N, C-alpha and C. Protein backbone atom coordinates (compact mmCIF):
# COMPACT_ATOMS: atom_id res chain seq x y z
N MET A 1 -6.56 -4.31 -2.44
CA MET A 1 -6.55 -3.90 -1.21
C MET A 1 -7.55 -2.82 -2.00
N ALA A 2 -8.49 -2.49 -0.50
CA ALA A 2 -9.88 -1.66 -0.80
C ALA A 2 -10.37 -1.67 0.61
N VAL A 3 -10.92 -0.28 0.97
CA VAL A 3 -11.87 -0.59 2.21
C VAL A 3 -13.06 -0.71 2.11
N ASN A 4 -13.63 -2.02 1.67
CA ASN A 4 -14.57 -2.80 2.05
C ASN A 4 -14.31 -4.23 2.62
N ASP A 5 -15.76 -4.58 2.30
CA ASP A 5 -15.74 -6.04 2.81
C ASP A 5 -15.48 -6.99 2.45
N GLY A 6 -15.09 -8.38 2.90
CA GLY A 6 -15.13 -9.25 1.74
C GLY A 6 -15.61 -9.88 0.79
N ALA A 7 -17.34 -10.03 1.27
CA ALA A 7 -18.01 -9.51 -0.06
C ALA A 7 -17.71 -9.22 -1.43
N VAL A 8 -18.03 -7.68 -0.83
CA VAL A 8 -17.56 -6.61 -2.31
C VAL A 8 -16.52 -7.34 -2.59
N MET A 9 -15.27 -7.33 -2.01
CA MET A 9 -13.78 -8.19 -2.66
C MET A 9 -14.20 -9.08 -3.46
N MET A 10 -15.11 -10.14 -2.82
CA MET A 10 -15.01 -11.12 -4.21
C MET A 10 -15.37 -10.82 -5.07
N ASN A 11 -16.83 -10.71 -4.91
CA ASN A 11 -17.87 -10.27 -6.03
C ASN A 11 -17.08 -9.49 -7.21
N TRP A 12 -16.35 -8.25 -6.28
CA TRP A 12 -15.64 -7.80 -7.48
C TRP A 12 -14.62 -8.51 -8.35
N ALA A 13 -13.83 -9.49 -7.60
CA ALA A 13 -12.65 -9.87 -8.44
C ALA A 13 -13.42 -10.78 -9.22
N LYS A 14 -14.66 -11.50 -9.01
CA LYS A 14 -15.45 -12.53 -9.63
C LYS A 14 -15.73 -11.45 -10.69
N SER A 15 -16.33 -10.34 -10.82
CA SER A 15 -16.63 -9.58 -12.03
C SER A 15 -15.54 -9.30 -12.56
N GLN A 16 -14.43 -9.37 -12.51
CA GLN A 16 -13.12 -8.93 -12.92
C GLN A 16 -12.38 -10.20 -13.58
N ARG A 17 -12.95 -11.69 -13.41
CA ARG A 17 -12.82 -12.71 -14.01
C ARG A 17 -11.31 -12.68 -13.93
N THR A 18 -10.61 -12.45 -11.82
CA THR A 18 -9.60 -12.71 -11.67
C THR A 18 -8.49 -14.41 -11.31
N ALA A 19 -10.30 -14.83 -11.41
CA ALA A 19 -9.46 -16.67 -11.05
C ALA A 19 -8.58 -17.05 -11.85
N LEU A 20 -7.54 -17.69 -11.01
CA LEU A 20 -6.96 -18.36 -11.69
C LEU A 20 -5.48 -17.79 -12.65
N THR A 21 -5.10 -16.37 -11.36
CA THR A 21 -4.74 -15.41 -12.34
C THR A 21 -3.65 -15.20 -10.53
N MET A 22 -2.67 -14.18 -10.28
CA MET A 22 -1.80 -13.56 -9.54
C MET A 22 -2.33 -12.59 -8.56
N LEU A 23 -3.21 -12.64 -9.18
CA LEU A 23 -4.46 -11.34 -8.54
C LEU A 23 -4.87 -11.40 -6.97
N THR A 24 -4.72 -10.84 -6.79
CA THR A 24 -5.45 -11.54 -4.82
C THR A 24 -6.27 -10.13 -4.35
N PHE A 25 -7.58 -10.19 -4.91
CA PHE A 25 -8.08 -8.67 -3.78
C PHE A 25 -8.75 -8.92 -2.55
N LEU A 26 -8.08 -7.81 -1.55
CA LEU A 26 -8.01 -8.08 -0.09
C LEU A 26 -9.18 -7.02 0.52
N GLY A 27 -10.14 -7.46 1.06
CA GLY A 27 -11.10 -6.35 2.07
C GLY A 27 -10.27 -5.79 2.89
N ASP A 28 -10.41 -4.36 3.50
CA ASP A 28 -9.89 -3.59 4.92
C ASP A 28 -11.10 -2.65 5.28
N PRO A 29 -11.98 -3.45 5.84
CA PRO A 29 -13.19 -2.52 5.92
C PRO A 29 -13.07 -1.74 7.41
N ASN A 30 -12.33 -2.19 7.79
CA ASN A 30 -11.90 -0.80 9.25
C ASN A 30 -10.67 -0.59 8.78
N SER A 31 -9.95 0.19 7.88
CA SER A 31 -8.65 0.90 7.71
C SER A 31 -7.90 -0.05 8.12
N GLU A 32 -8.07 -1.17 8.90
CA GLU A 32 -6.60 -1.39 9.59
C GLU A 32 -5.42 -0.93 8.62
N LEU A 33 -5.20 -1.92 7.95
CA LEU A 33 -3.91 -1.82 6.91
C LEU A 33 -3.56 -0.60 6.90
N THR A 34 -4.59 -0.07 5.59
CA THR A 34 -4.55 0.90 5.17
C THR A 34 -4.00 1.80 6.26
N LYS A 35 -4.47 2.12 7.24
CA LYS A 35 -3.27 3.33 8.28
C LYS A 35 -2.19 2.58 8.31
N ALA A 36 -2.07 1.22 8.84
CA ALA A 36 -0.58 1.09 9.14
C ALA A 36 0.31 1.09 7.87
N LEU A 37 -0.63 0.94 6.81
CA LEU A 37 0.62 1.56 5.52
C LEU A 37 0.57 2.25 5.15
N ASP A 38 0.25 3.61 6.18
CA ASP A 38 -0.09 4.97 5.89
C ASP A 38 0.07 5.27 4.62
N LEU A 39 -1.49 4.65 4.40
CA LEU A 39 -2.24 4.94 2.78
C LEU A 39 -3.69 5.75 2.91
N GLU A 40 -4.13 5.95 4.22
CA GLU A 40 -5.13 6.82 4.25
C GLU A 40 -5.76 8.19 3.79
N LEU A 41 -6.59 7.94 2.81
CA LEU A 41 -6.45 9.59 2.25
C LEU A 41 -7.40 10.16 2.99
N THR A 42 -7.04 11.67 3.33
CA THR A 42 -7.18 12.34 4.63
C THR A 42 -7.41 13.78 3.69
N HIS A 43 -7.06 14.00 2.69
CA HIS A 43 -7.11 15.04 1.72
C HIS A 43 -8.94 15.35 2.21
N PRO A 44 -9.13 16.89 2.08
CA PRO A 44 -10.07 17.45 2.32
C PRO A 44 -11.14 17.47 1.57
N GLY A 45 -10.58 17.38 0.11
CA GLY A 45 -11.25 17.21 -1.48
C GLY A 45 -12.03 15.80 -1.86
N PRO A 46 -11.20 15.17 -1.60
CA PRO A 46 -11.83 14.21 -1.66
C PRO A 46 -12.79 13.01 -0.83
N VAL A 47 -12.35 13.70 0.57
CA VAL A 47 -12.57 12.86 1.64
C VAL A 47 -14.42 13.65 2.17
N SER A 48 -14.22 15.16 0.88
CA SER A 48 -15.89 15.67 1.45
C SER A 48 -16.80 14.86 0.39
N VAL A 49 -16.46 14.48 -0.15
CA VAL A 49 -17.25 13.48 -1.58
C VAL A 49 -17.53 11.78 -1.29
N LEU A 50 -15.94 11.41 -1.02
CA LEU A 50 -16.21 9.73 -0.59
C LEU A 50 -16.41 9.58 0.71
N GLY A 51 -16.28 10.40 1.75
CA GLY A 51 -16.32 9.96 3.03
C GLY A 51 -14.98 10.30 3.54
N PRO A 52 -15.01 9.88 5.35
CA PRO A 52 -13.39 9.74 5.99
C PRO A 52 -13.41 8.11 5.68
N GLY A 53 -12.05 7.71 5.92
CA GLY A 53 -12.02 5.99 5.81
C GLY A 53 -11.29 5.73 4.79
N ARG A 54 -10.95 6.22 3.60
CA ARG A 54 -10.99 5.56 2.57
C ARG A 54 -9.54 5.58 2.06
N CYS A 55 -9.09 4.75 1.17
CA CYS A 55 -7.71 4.64 0.95
C CYS A 55 -7.18 5.03 -0.71
N LYS A 56 -5.67 5.57 -0.25
CA LYS A 56 -5.50 6.20 -1.71
C LYS A 56 -5.35 5.31 -2.43
N ARG A 57 -4.62 5.63 -3.67
CA ARG A 57 -5.21 4.71 -4.86
C ARG A 57 -3.42 4.25 -5.20
N PHE A 58 -2.91 3.00 -4.86
CA PHE A 58 -2.12 2.48 -5.03
C PHE A 58 -1.90 1.04 -5.59
N ALA A 59 -0.76 0.33 -5.85
CA ALA A 59 -0.48 -0.83 -6.02
C ALA A 59 1.08 -1.40 -5.32
N MET A 60 0.90 -2.52 -5.06
CA MET A 60 2.14 -2.74 -4.14
C MET A 60 2.23 -4.37 -4.97
N HIS A 61 3.45 -4.40 -4.66
CA HIS A 61 4.16 -5.57 -5.16
C HIS A 61 4.54 -6.51 -4.10
N VAL A 62 4.00 -7.69 -3.86
CA VAL A 62 4.52 -8.58 -3.01
C VAL A 62 4.84 -9.70 -3.00
N VAL A 63 6.11 -10.18 -2.90
CA VAL A 63 6.57 -11.80 -2.78
C VAL A 63 6.98 -12.48 -1.45
N ASN A 64 6.18 -13.31 -1.19
CA ASN A 64 6.42 -14.10 -0.12
C ASN A 64 5.78 -13.45 1.05
N GLY A 65 5.32 -12.30 1.08
CA GLY A 65 4.66 -11.66 2.80
C GLY A 65 5.89 -10.66 2.06
N GLU A 66 6.67 -9.93 1.48
CA GLU A 66 7.59 -8.97 1.34
C GLU A 66 7.41 -7.65 0.85
N ILE A 67 7.24 -6.63 1.22
CA ILE A 67 6.75 -5.62 0.18
C ILE A 67 8.07 -4.90 -0.65
N ARG A 68 7.91 -5.36 -1.77
CA ARG A 68 9.23 -4.72 -2.78
C ARG A 68 9.28 -3.66 -3.09
N ALA A 69 7.50 -3.41 -3.36
CA ALA A 69 7.45 -1.68 -3.96
C ALA A 69 6.04 -1.79 -3.57
N VAL A 70 5.94 -0.53 -3.49
CA VAL A 70 4.45 0.60 -2.88
C VAL A 70 4.25 1.68 -4.34
N ASN A 71 3.49 2.20 -5.06
CA ASN A 71 3.48 3.28 -6.02
C ASN A 71 2.08 3.47 -5.81
N VAL A 72 2.02 4.80 -5.14
CA VAL A 72 0.86 5.98 -5.11
C VAL A 72 0.67 6.54 -6.17
N SER A 73 -0.26 6.28 -6.50
CA SER A 73 -1.27 7.57 -7.71
C SER A 73 -1.12 9.00 -7.12
N GLU A 74 -0.92 10.02 -6.78
CA GLU A 74 -1.12 10.88 -6.23
C GLU A 74 -0.55 12.55 -6.44
N GLY A 75 -0.26 13.26 -6.43
CA GLY A 75 -0.11 14.67 -6.72
C GLY A 75 -0.77 15.73 -6.26
N PRO A 76 0.30 17.33 -5.79
CA PRO A 76 -0.09 18.12 -5.45
C PRO A 76 -1.50 18.47 -4.96
N ASP A 77 -1.96 18.49 -6.53
CA ASP A 77 -3.14 18.96 -7.28
C ASP A 77 -4.09 17.79 -7.71
N ASP A 78 -4.14 16.39 -7.04
CA ASP A 78 -4.28 15.26 -7.32
C ASP A 78 -4.22 14.45 -6.36
N PRO A 79 -4.92 14.81 -5.14
CA PRO A 79 -4.58 13.64 -4.22
C PRO A 79 -5.34 12.38 -3.83
N ALA A 80 -6.62 12.33 -5.02
CA ALA A 80 -6.91 11.14 -5.14
C ALA A 80 -6.57 10.17 -6.79
N GLY A 81 -5.15 10.81 -6.81
CA GLY A 81 -4.82 10.44 -8.76
C GLY A 81 -5.54 10.12 -9.87
N ASP A 82 -6.89 10.91 -9.57
CA ASP A 82 -7.66 10.59 -10.58
C ASP A 82 -7.13 11.56 -12.28
N GLU A 83 -6.91 12.24 -11.81
CA GLU A 83 -5.43 12.87 -13.05
C GLU A 83 -4.57 11.59 -13.62
N ASP A 84 -3.99 11.19 -12.90
CA ASP A 84 -2.72 10.55 -14.18
C ASP A 84 -3.17 9.36 -12.53
N PRO A 85 -3.22 8.23 -12.80
CA PRO A 85 -3.34 7.46 -11.78
C PRO A 85 -2.62 6.35 -12.70
N SER A 86 -0.99 6.38 -13.63
CA SER A 86 -0.40 5.60 -13.83
C SER A 86 0.38 5.02 -13.10
N ALA A 87 1.33 5.50 -12.14
CA ALA A 87 1.61 4.81 -10.85
C ALA A 87 1.32 3.62 -10.54
N SER A 88 -0.07 3.53 -10.08
CA SER A 88 -0.57 2.30 -9.81
C SER A 88 -1.53 1.66 -10.55
N LEU A 89 -1.30 1.88 -11.96
CA LEU A 89 -1.63 0.92 -13.05
C LEU A 89 -0.43 0.08 -13.45
N ALA A 90 -1.36 -1.51 -14.11
CA ALA A 90 -0.25 -2.34 -14.79
C ALA A 90 1.05 -1.72 -14.59
N ASP A 91 0.94 -1.48 -15.70
CA ASP A 91 2.76 -1.13 -16.13
C ASP A 91 3.01 0.03 -15.16
N GLY A 92 2.73 0.87 -14.12
CA GLY A 92 3.60 1.16 -13.27
C GLY A 92 4.02 0.41 -12.39
N ILE A 93 3.51 -0.51 -11.71
CA ILE A 93 4.21 -1.12 -11.22
C ILE A 93 4.61 -2.57 -11.62
N MET A 94 4.96 -2.91 -12.57
CA MET A 94 5.50 -3.06 -13.24
C MET A 94 6.81 -2.82 -13.35
N ALA A 95 6.64 -2.02 -13.55
CA ALA A 95 8.34 -1.06 -14.05
C ALA A 95 8.89 -1.09 -12.84
N THR A 96 8.73 -1.43 -11.67
CA THR A 96 9.05 -1.86 -10.85
C THR A 96 10.34 -3.27 -10.10
N MET A 97 9.22 -4.21 -11.20
CA MET A 97 9.68 -4.81 -11.18
C MET A 97 10.78 -5.74 -11.92
N GLU A 98 11.40 -4.91 -13.21
CA GLU A 98 12.15 -4.58 -14.03
C GLU A 98 13.98 -4.71 -13.16
C-alpha cells in the first residue's frame, strides 16, 4: 500500500512482475487507510522533503482480512526508516509468520 493512485500502483506492480504472486499493490491516494492505521509520516524532516500526507515504511501480514502483524521501519533518528528498513523488508515481515 502506498499513497498513490491505482494507475501508479498497477504499473508499479507490473514493473515488479508481481503477477501470479501473493503480493497485492494497493493505492491510498487520499491517505484514508494510512491515517486509519496510524501510519502517516508526520515527522518534519521527511515531510519537508516528501511533502505532507505520506505513509511510513511498513509491511503488513494479512490473512483473510485479519491483520496478523504490522512492522514499521522507523527509529528516533530515522523517522523514514531509510537507514534501517529491515523491519519492513521481506525477511522482517516473514519472521512474524513463524
